[in-house]
Amino acid sequence: MLELYHNDMSTCAQKVRVALGEKNLEWSGHELNLRTGDQHRPEFLRLNPKGVVPVLVHDGHVIPESTIIMEYLEEAFPGTKALMPTNPASRAVVRSWLQRLDAGLHLQIAVLSIGIAFRDQLIAVHNTAAALESYYAAVPDPGLRAVYRDVVPLGTKAPTFQAALNAWKQLLADMSAALQSSEWLVGAAETLADAAYIPYLCRLEHLTLTDMWSAYPKVAAWYARMKQTDGYRRGIEAWLNPKYLELMSERGASARNALAQVA
């Protein structure tokens, strides 16, 4: 039995749900509210001491970290749709795309998301300096804790915001280059690389940042193609939260002047 501890709008949870959708695997879910701090509760920290979603539990085995979960699903369910190439060199390229997310791009999308939209929500829920500090202190991961402390007070003016924006601009340029010879990021078929990146471009769209790939028609075509997959429909579209979509859209629109200044 597959159990997934996740959140509706978490990009990492979306990655795993996309893979589950593409593989047509049944699963049961435990949804956590990340704004109120469900991920910091002792019962969840016993599953994942880092206090982040998703976590997969399969027949009693606990598997944290979205990239590891995706590769686990690929290996544990070989009779399902393959999302890794058979060629070792191509498999290495897929892993290099996945590693870029884990090495910094995921944290940088968090910077953009918090800086544009979620800071206001966190401030509303934890409406005193002491309450915010308590929320930060409960974050086990020191890198994410530093992001909150830097970005929540300053938003798009935070020192890390420009670096995050530049990192994603470079990523989109690299995606465009990879897509010049194929409809997919690696080879002639969809892979874990495509499944991993679709949530992040969705997040950029939700933050009204689609202009970032307006000069890359191949990226736009890939994005439209990914939105037609079972993985997108089951793993992202089915879980879209209207409240969060409205928040990101409104804050993204109101932040455009500030974004123009830092772009």
Protein backbone atom coordinates (compact mmCIF):
# COMPACT_ATOMS: atom_id res chain seq x y z
CA MET A 1 0.00 0.00 0.00
CA LEU A 2 1.23 3.50 -0.88
CA GLU A 3 0.64 6.31 1.61
CA LEU A 4 1.72 9.85 0.80
CA TYR A 5 2.16 12.67 3.30
CA HIS A 6 1.85 15.75 1.15
CA ASN A 7 0.38 19.22 0.64
CA ASP A 8 -1.91 20.34 -2.17
CA MET A 9 0.31 23.16 -3.53
CA SER A 10 3.79 21.99 -2.49
CA THR A 11 6.01 21.73 -5.58
CA CYS A 12 7.84 18.73 -4.14
CA ALA A 13 4.57 16.96 -3.39
CA GLN A 14 3.38 17.81 -6.90
CA LYS A 15 6.51 16.16 -8.37
CA VAL A 16 5.66 12.89 -6.66
CA ARG A 17 1.96 13.06 -7.48
CA VAL A 18 2.84 13.67 -11.16
CA ALA A 19 4.97 10.50 -11.15
CA LEU A 20 2.20 8.56 -9.40
CA GLY A 21 -0.29 9.85 -11.99
CA GLU A 22 1.90 8.95 -14.93
CA LYS A 23 2.38 5.47 -13.53
CA ASN A 24 -1.34 5.15 -12.74
CA LEU A 25 -0.57 4.06 -9.17
CA GLU A 26 -3.22 4.12 -6.45
CA TRP A 27 -2.32 5.80 -3.18
CA SER A 28 -3.87 7.16 -0.01
CA GLY A 29 -2.99 10.60 1.25
CA HIS A 30 -2.37 12.52 4.45
CA GLU A 31 -2.54 16.23 3.62
CA LEU A 32 -0.58 18.65 5.82
CA ASN A 33 -1.24 22.38 6.27
CA LEU A 34 2.21 23.93 5.87
CA ARG A 35 1.16 27.45 6.87
CA THR A 36 -0.08 26.41 10.30
CA GLY A 37 2.95 24.14 10.81
CA ASP A 38 1.57 20.59 10.56
CA GLN A 39 4.98 19.54 9.21
CA HIS A 40 6.62 20.56 12.51
CA ARG A 41 4.40 18.37 14.68
CA PRO A 42 6.22 15.58 16.55
CA GLU A 43 4.24 12.79 14.87
CA PHE A 44 5.34 13.97 11.43
CA LEU A 45 8.93 14.70 12.51
CA ARG A 46 9.17 11.05 13.54
CA LEU A 47 8.64 10.20 9.86
CA ASN A 48 10.86 12.97 8.49
CA PRO A 49 13.08 14.85 10.95
CA LYS A 50 13.64 17.55 8.30
CA GLY A 51 9.98 18.52 8.63
CA VAL A 52 9.22 18.73 4.91
CA VAL A 53 6.80 17.00 2.56
CA PRO A 54 6.43 14.69 0.77
CA VAL A 55 7.04 11.45 2.58
CA LEU A 56 6.05 8.12 1.05
CA VAL A 57 5.27 5.08 3.19
CA HIS A 58 5.19 1.82 1.22
CA ASP A 59 4.45 -1.39 3.08
CA GLY A 60 5.95 0.09 6.23
CA HIS A 61 9.05 1.53 4.55
CA VAL A 62 9.41 5.31 5.01
CA ILE A 63 10.89 7.17 2.03
CA PRO A 64 11.42 10.93 2.34
CA GLU A 65 12.67 13.44 -0.30
CA SER A 66 10.75 13.93 -3.53
CA THR A 67 13.54 12.96 -5.95
CA ILE A 68 14.32 9.78 -4.02
CA ILE A 69 10.61 8.93 -3.94
CA MET A 70 10.32 9.39 -7.71
CA GLU A 71 13.27 7.08 -8.35
CA TYR A 72 11.89 4.61 -5.81
CA LEU A 73 8.57 4.46 -7.67
CA GLU A 74 10.46 3.83 -10.90
CA GLU A 75 12.31 0.90 -9.38
CA ALA A 76 9.55 -0.51 -7.17
CA PHE A 77 6.92 -0.65 -9.93
CA PRO A 78 8.71 -1.81 -13.09
CA GLY A 79 5.49 -2.86 -14.81
CA THR A 80 4.22 0.72 -14.97
CA LYS A 81 5.04 3.45 -17.47
CA ALA A 82 8.82 3.89 -17.60
CA LEU A 83 10.05 7.37 -16.73
CA MET A 84 13.77 6.64 -17.02
CA PRO A 85 15.59 5.96 -20.30
CA THR A 86 17.20 2.58 -20.83
CA ASN A 87 20.46 4.17 -21.98
CA PRO A 88 22.87 4.79 -19.05
CA ALA A 89 24.12 8.07 -20.50
CA SER A 90 20.58 9.39 -20.86
CA ARG A 91 19.73 8.24 -17.34
CA ALA A 92 22.69 10.28 -16.10
CA VAL A 93 21.33 13.35 -17.91
CA VAL A 94 17.93 12.86 -16.24
CA ARG A 95 19.64 12.70 -12.86
CA SER A 96 21.60 15.87 -13.62
CA TRP A 97 18.31 17.73 -14.18
CA LEU A 98 16.94 16.33 -10.91
CA GLN A 99 20.11 17.24 -9.06
CA ARG A 100 19.85 20.87 -10.17
CA LEU A 101 16.55 21.13 -8.35
CA ASP A 102 17.90 19.55 -5.18
CA ALA A 103 21.13 21.57 -5.29
CA GLY A 104 19.43 24.95 -5.15
CA LEU A 105 16.63 25.59 -7.62
CA HIS A 106 13.97 24.22 -5.29
CA LEU A 107 15.05 26.53 -2.49
CA GLN A 108 15.12 29.42 -4.96
CA ILE A 109 11.52 28.79 -6.05
CA ALA A 110 10.69 28.96 -2.35
CA VAL A 111 12.37 32.38 -2.23
CA LEU A 112 10.24 33.59 -5.15
CA SER A 113 7.04 32.10 -3.73
CA ILE A 114 7.54 33.49 -0.24
CA GLY A 115 8.81 36.85 -1.47
CA ILE A 116 5.89 37.46 -3.80
CA ALA A 117 2.97 35.74 -2.11
CA PHE A 118 3.29 33.60 0.98
CA ARG A 119 5.01 36.13 3.24
CA ASP A 120 1.72 37.98 3.62
CA GLN A 121 -0.06 34.78 4.52
CA LEU A 122 2.56 33.81 7.10
CA ILE A 123 2.44 37.28 8.63
CA ALA A 124 -1.36 37.07 8.82
CA VAL A 125 -1.31 33.64 10.50
CA HIS A 126 1.63 34.42 12.82
CA ASN A 127 0.78 38.06 13.47
CA THR A 128 3.50 39.05 15.94
CA ALA A 129 7.28 39.11 15.68
CA ALA A 130 7.48 36.52 18.44
CA ALA A 131 5.01 34.21 16.68
CA LEU A 132 6.94 34.48 13.41
CA GLU A 133 10.22 33.76 15.16
CA SER A 134 8.64 30.72 16.78
CA TYR A 135 7.57 29.51 13.32
CA TYR A 136 11.09 30.04 11.91
CA ALA A 137 12.73 28.33 14.87
CA ALA A 138 10.55 25.25 14.33
CA VAL A 139 11.90 24.76 10.78
CA PRO A 140 14.49 21.94 11.07
CA ASP A 141 16.29 22.72 7.80
CA PRO A 142 18.73 25.61 8.38
CA GLY A 143 18.71 26.67 4.72
CA LEU A 144 14.94 26.99 4.61
CA ARG A 145 14.94 28.66 8.02
CA ALA A 146 17.35 31.30 6.69
CA VAL A 147 15.11 31.86 3.66
CA TYR A 148 12.11 32.56 5.88
CA ARG A 149 14.06 34.96 8.07
CA ASP A 150 15.43 36.83 5.05
CA VAL A 151 12.42 36.89 2.75
CA VAL A 152 9.36 37.18 5.01
CA PRO A 153 10.32 40.64 6.33
CA LEU A 154 11.56 42.08 2.99
CA GLY A 155 9.71 40.28 0.20
CA THR A 156 11.05 41.07 -3.27
CA LYS A 157 13.62 43.40 -1.71
CA ALA A 158 15.31 40.54 0.14
CA PRO A 159 18.98 40.05 -0.82
CA THR A 160 18.34 36.47 -1.96
CA PHE A 161 15.41 37.37 -4.22
CA GLN A 162 17.47 38.64 -7.18
CA ALA A 163 19.73 35.58 -7.06
CA ALA A 164 16.70 33.28 -7.12
CA LEU A 165 15.20 35.14 -10.07
CA ASN A 166 18.49 34.91 -12.00
CA ALA A 167 18.85 31.20 -11.26
CA TRP A 168 15.44 30.46 -12.76
CA LYS A 169 16.11 32.65 -15.78
CA GLN A 170 19.24 30.59 -16.44
CA LEU A 171 17.31 27.35 -15.96
CA LEU A 172 14.71 28.38 -18.54
CA ALA A 173 17.45 29.22 -21.04
CA ASP A 174 18.99 25.79 -20.46
CA MET A 175 15.60 24.11 -20.86
CA SER A 176 15.15 25.92 -24.17
CA ALA A 177 18.53 24.66 -25.38
CA ALA A 178 17.69 21.06 -24.40
CA LEU A 179 14.31 21.24 -26.14
CA GLN A 180 15.73 22.32 -29.48
CA SER A 181 16.34 18.69 -30.50
CA SER A 182 13.43 16.96 -28.74
CA GLU A 183 9.95 17.52 -27.37
CA TRP A 184 11.18 16.34 -23.97
CA LEU A 185 14.07 17.35 -21.73
CA VAL A 186 15.95 14.08 -22.24
CA GLY A 187 15.50 11.91 -25.31
CA ALA A 188 12.39 11.06 -27.27
CA ALA A 189 9.98 10.38 -24.37
CA GLU A 190 8.85 11.91 -21.11
CA THR A 191 11.13 11.16 -18.16
CA LEU A 192 11.38 11.94 -14.47
CA ALA A 193 13.08 15.20 -15.50
CA ASP A 194 9.91 16.43 -17.20
CA ALA A 195 7.75 15.25 -14.30
CA ALA A 196 10.02 17.04 -11.83
CA TYR A 197 10.04 20.42 -13.59
CA ILE A 198 6.38 20.84 -14.51
CA PRO A 199 5.38 21.85 -10.93
CA TYR A 200 7.98 24.61 -10.94
CA LEU A 201 6.83 26.17 -14.18
CA CYS A 202 3.29 25.93 -12.85
CA ARG A 203 4.44 27.87 -9.80
CA LEU A 204 6.03 30.54 -12.00
CA GLU A 205 2.77 30.78 -13.94
CA HIS A 206 0.75 31.05 -10.75
CA LEU A 207 3.05 33.86 -9.62
CA THR A 208 2.34 35.60 -12.99
CA LEU A 209 5.95 35.10 -14.14
CA THR A 210 5.28 33.49 -17.53
CA ASP A 211 7.11 36.38 -19.19
CA MET A 212 10.27 34.64 -18.04
CA TRP A 213 9.91 32.16 -20.92
CA SER A 214 8.20 34.40 -23.47
CA ALA A 215 11.39 34.37 -25.55
CA TYR A 216 11.56 30.55 -25.48
CA PRO A 217 8.81 29.07 -27.69
CA LYS A 218 10.15 25.54 -27.17
CA VAL A 219 9.66 25.91 -23.42
CA ALA A 220 6.14 27.23 -23.93
CA ALA A 221 5.34 24.26 -26.19
CA TRP A 222 6.80 21.80 -23.65
CA TYR A 223 4.73 23.39 -20.90
CA ALA A 224 1.53 23.10 -22.93
CA ARG A 225 2.37 19.48 -23.77
CA MET A 226 3.02 18.58 -20.13
CA LYS A 227 -0.35 20.03 -19.15
CA GLN A 228 -1.99 17.37 -21.33
CA THR A 229 -0.43 14.47 -19.43
CA ASP A 230 -2.15 12.24 -16.89
CA GLY A 231 0.57 13.20 -14.44
CA TYR A 232 -0.34 16.89 -14.60
CA ARG A 233 -4.07 16.28 -14.45
CA ARG A 234 -3.88 13.86 -11.52
CA GLY A 235 -0.90 15.27 -9.69
CA ILE A 236 -1.33 19.03 -10.05
CA GLU A 237 -4.62 20.11 -11.62
CA ALA A 238 -6.75 17.92 -9.34
CA TRP A 239 -5.11 19.49 -6.28
CA LEU A 240 -5.05 23.17 -7.24
CA ASN A 241 -6.23 25.28 -4.32
CA PRO A 242 -8.29 28.28 -5.51
CA LYS A 243 -7.38 30.25 -2.39
CA TYR A 244 -3.67 29.92 -3.10
CA LEU A 245 -4.11 30.56 -6.82
CA GLU A 246 -5.93 33.81 -6.03
CA LEU A 247 -3.28 34.81 -3.51
CA MET A 248 -0.38 34.17 -5.91
CA SER A 249 -2.12 35.87 -8.82
CA GLU A 250 -3.02 38.97 -6.81
CA ARG A 251 0.39 39.29 -5.18
CA GLY A 252 2.17 38.56 -8.45
CA ALA A 253 0.24 41.29 -10.22
CA SER A 254 0.87 43.80 -7.45
CA ALA A 255 4.59 42.91 -7.35
CA ARG A 256 5.18 43.56 -11.05
CA ASN A 257 6.66 47.03 -10.53
CA ALA A 258 9.03 45.72 -7.87
CA LEU A 259 9.96 42.77 -10.08
CA ALA A 260 10.70 45.11 -12.99
CA GLN A 261 13.14 46.98 -10.77
CA VAL A 262 15.04 43.83 -9.74
CA ALA A 263 14.85 42.04 -13.12
